[in-house]
């Protein structure tokens, strides 16, 4: 489960980062910027939870 969360978070983070950069190059709405920032936040939370799960697994 922790590997899945980490890979999922990394994949979503990279996709949102690409759209974040495209937002400055292209002519996108402000809502696209907000959704990409929220997506990157969600992805970083998923990666953090995967790290916590990994630490909890290691203590058993």
N, C-alpha and C. Protein backbone atom coordinates (compact mmCIF):
# COMPACT_ATOMS: atom_id res chain seq x y z
N UNK A 1 0.82 -1.19 0.00
CA UNK A 1 0.00 0.00 0.00
C UNK A 1 0.87 1.26 0.00
N UNK A 2 1.97 1.20 0.73
CA UNK A 2 2.81 2.40 0.80
C UNK A 2 3.49 2.68 -0.54
N UNK A 3 3.87 1.63 -1.26
CA UNK A 3 4.48 1.84 -2.58
C UNK A 3 3.47 2.41 -3.56
N UNK A 4 2.24 1.88 -3.51
CA UNK A 4 1.19 2.39 -4.39
C UNK A 4 0.92 3.87 -4.12
N UNK A 5 0.84 4.26 -2.86
CA UNK A 5 0.60 5.67 -2.53
C UNK A 5 1.75 6.55 -3.01
N UNK A 6 2.97 6.06 -2.85
CA UNK A 6 4.11 6.86 -3.27
C UNK A 6 4.14 7.03 -4.79
N UNK A 7 3.91 5.94 -5.53
CA UNK A 7 3.92 6.02 -6.99
C UNK A 7 2.75 6.86 -7.48
N UNK A 8 1.57 6.69 -6.88
CA UNK A 8 0.40 7.49 -7.24
C UNK A 8 0.67 8.97 -6.98
N UNK A 9 1.22 9.29 -5.82
CA UNK A 9 1.52 10.68 -5.48
C UNK A 9 2.56 11.28 -6.40
N UNK A 10 3.57 10.51 -6.73
CA UNK A 10 4.61 11.00 -7.64
C UNK A 10 4.06 11.25 -9.03
N UNK A 11 3.22 10.33 -9.51
CA UNK A 11 2.63 10.48 -10.83
C UNK A 11 1.72 11.71 -10.90
N UNK A 12 0.87 11.87 -9.92
CA UNK A 12 -0.03 13.03 -9.89
C UNK A 12 0.76 14.32 -9.74
N UNK A 13 1.82 14.30 -8.94
CA UNK A 13 2.64 15.49 -8.75
C UNK A 13 3.29 15.92 -10.06
N UNK A 14 3.81 14.96 -10.81
CA UNK A 14 4.47 15.28 -12.08
C UNK A 14 3.46 15.82 -13.08
N UNK A 15 2.27 15.21 -13.16
CA UNK A 15 1.24 15.69 -14.07
C UNK A 15 0.82 17.11 -13.71
N UNK A 16 0.62 17.36 -12.44
CA UNK A 16 0.22 18.71 -12.01
C UNK A 16 1.34 19.72 -12.23
N UNK A 17 2.59 19.29 -12.07
CA UNK A 17 3.71 20.19 -12.31
C UNK A 17 3.79 20.58 -13.78
N UNK A 18 3.52 19.62 -14.66
CA UNK A 18 3.51 19.93 -16.10
C UNK A 18 2.43 20.95 -16.41
N UNK A 19 1.23 20.76 -15.86
CA UNK A 19 0.16 21.73 -16.09
C UNK A 19 0.46 23.07 -15.44
N UNK A 20 1.18 23.06 -14.31
CA UNK A 20 1.55 24.30 -13.64
C UNK A 20 2.49 25.11 -14.53
N UNK A 21 3.46 24.45 -15.15
CA UNK A 21 4.38 25.14 -16.05
C UNK A 21 3.66 25.61 -17.31
N UNK A 22 2.77 24.75 -17.84
CA UNK A 22 2.00 25.14 -19.02
C UNK A 22 1.10 26.33 -18.74
N UNK A 23 0.70 26.51 -17.50
CA UNK A 23 -0.14 27.64 -17.12
C UNK A 23 0.57 28.97 -17.35
N UNK A 24 1.87 29.00 -17.10
CA UNK A 24 2.62 30.24 -17.30
C UNK A 24 2.99 30.46 -18.76
N UNK A 25 3.17 29.38 -19.51
CA UNK A 25 3.53 29.51 -20.92
C UNK A 25 2.30 29.84 -21.76
N UNK A 26 1.22 29.09 -21.51
CA UNK A 26 0.00 29.28 -22.30
C UNK A 26 -0.94 30.30 -21.68
N UNK A 27 -2.13 30.33 -22.21
CA UNK A 27 -3.14 31.28 -21.73
C UNK A 27 -4.27 30.49 -21.06
N UNK A 28 -4.05 30.11 -19.80
CA UNK A 28 -5.02 29.33 -19.05
C UNK A 28 -5.72 30.21 -18.03
N UNK A 29 -6.80 29.70 -17.48
CA UNK A 29 -7.54 30.41 -16.44
C UNK A 29 -6.81 30.32 -15.11
N UNK A 30 -7.27 31.12 -14.18
CA UNK A 30 -6.71 31.05 -12.83
C UNK A 30 -7.15 29.78 -12.12
N UNK A 31 -8.30 29.23 -12.52
CA UNK A 31 -8.78 28.00 -11.89
C UNK A 31 -7.87 26.82 -12.20
N UNK A 32 -7.26 26.82 -13.38
CA UNK A 32 -6.32 25.75 -13.71
C UNK A 32 -5.12 25.82 -12.77
N UNK A 33 -4.67 27.01 -12.48
CA UNK A 33 -3.56 27.19 -11.54
C UNK A 33 -3.94 26.69 -10.15
N UNK A 34 -5.14 27.01 -9.71
CA UNK A 34 -5.58 26.56 -8.38
C UNK A 34 -5.71 25.04 -8.33
N UNK A 35 -6.26 24.42 -9.40
CA UNK A 35 -6.41 22.97 -9.41
C UNK A 35 -5.05 22.28 -9.45
N UNK A 36 -4.09 22.86 -10.15
CA UNK A 36 -2.77 22.23 -10.17
C UNK A 36 -2.08 22.33 -8.81
N UNK A 37 -2.26 23.47 -8.15
CA UNK A 37 -1.67 23.62 -6.81
C UNK A 37 -2.32 22.66 -5.82
N UNK A 38 -3.64 22.52 -5.89
CA UNK A 38 -4.32 21.58 -5.00
C UNK A 38 -3.94 20.14 -5.33
N UNK A 39 -3.75 19.85 -6.62
CA UNK A 39 -3.31 18.51 -7.01
C UNK A 39 -1.92 18.19 -6.49
N UNK A 40 -1.01 19.17 -6.56
CA UNK A 40 0.34 18.96 -6.04
C UNK A 40 0.31 18.79 -4.52
N UNK A 41 -0.55 19.53 -3.84
CA UNK A 41 -0.69 19.38 -2.39
C UNK A 41 -1.21 17.99 -2.05
N UNK A 42 -2.23 17.54 -2.79
CA UNK A 42 -2.78 16.21 -2.56
C UNK A 42 -1.74 15.12 -2.81
N UNK A 43 -0.95 15.29 -3.85
CA UNK A 43 0.09 14.31 -4.16
C UNK A 43 1.17 14.28 -3.08
N UNK A 44 1.54 15.44 -2.58
CA UNK A 44 2.57 15.45 -1.54
C UNK A 44 2.04 14.86 -0.24
N UNK A 45 0.77 15.04 0.05
CA UNK A 45 0.17 14.42 1.22
C UNK A 45 0.17 12.89 1.06
N UNK A 46 -0.16 12.40 -0.13
CA UNK A 46 -0.15 10.96 -0.38
C UNK A 46 1.25 10.39 -0.22
N UNK A 47 2.27 11.10 -0.69
CA UNK A 47 3.65 10.62 -0.54
C UNK A 47 4.06 10.64 0.93
N UNK A 48 3.62 11.65 1.67
CA UNK A 48 3.92 11.70 3.10
C UNK A 48 3.26 10.58 3.87
N UNK A 49 2.02 10.28 3.54
CA UNK A 49 1.32 9.17 4.20
C UNK A 49 2.00 7.85 3.88
N UNK A 50 2.49 7.70 2.65
CA UNK A 50 3.20 6.46 2.31
C UNK A 50 4.48 6.32 3.13
N UNK A 51 5.16 7.43 3.38
CA UNK A 51 6.36 7.37 4.22
C UNK A 51 6.00 6.99 5.66
N UNK A 52 4.90 7.53 6.17
CA UNK A 52 4.47 7.20 7.53
C UNK A 52 4.10 5.73 7.62
N UNK A 53 3.39 5.21 6.61
CA UNK A 53 3.03 3.79 6.60
C UNK A 53 4.28 2.93 6.55
N UNK A 54 5.27 3.35 5.76
CA UNK A 54 6.53 2.60 5.68
C UNK A 54 7.25 2.56 7.00
N UNK A 55 7.26 3.65 7.74
CA UNK A 55 7.91 3.69 9.05
C UNK A 55 7.15 2.82 10.04
N UNK A 56 5.82 2.87 9.99
CA UNK A 56 5.01 2.07 10.90
C UNK A 56 5.19 0.57 10.61
N UNK A 57 5.36 0.20 9.34
CA UNK A 57 5.61 -1.20 9.00
C UNK A 57 6.96 -1.66 9.53
N UNK A 58 7.93 -0.77 9.48
CA UNK A 58 9.28 -1.13 9.93
C UNK A 58 9.38 -1.32 11.42
N UNK A 59 8.51 -0.72 12.21
CA UNK A 59 8.59 -0.84 13.67
C UNK A 59 8.02 -2.15 14.18
N UNK A 60 7.21 -2.83 13.36
CA UNK A 60 6.61 -4.08 13.83
C UNK A 60 7.59 -5.22 13.79
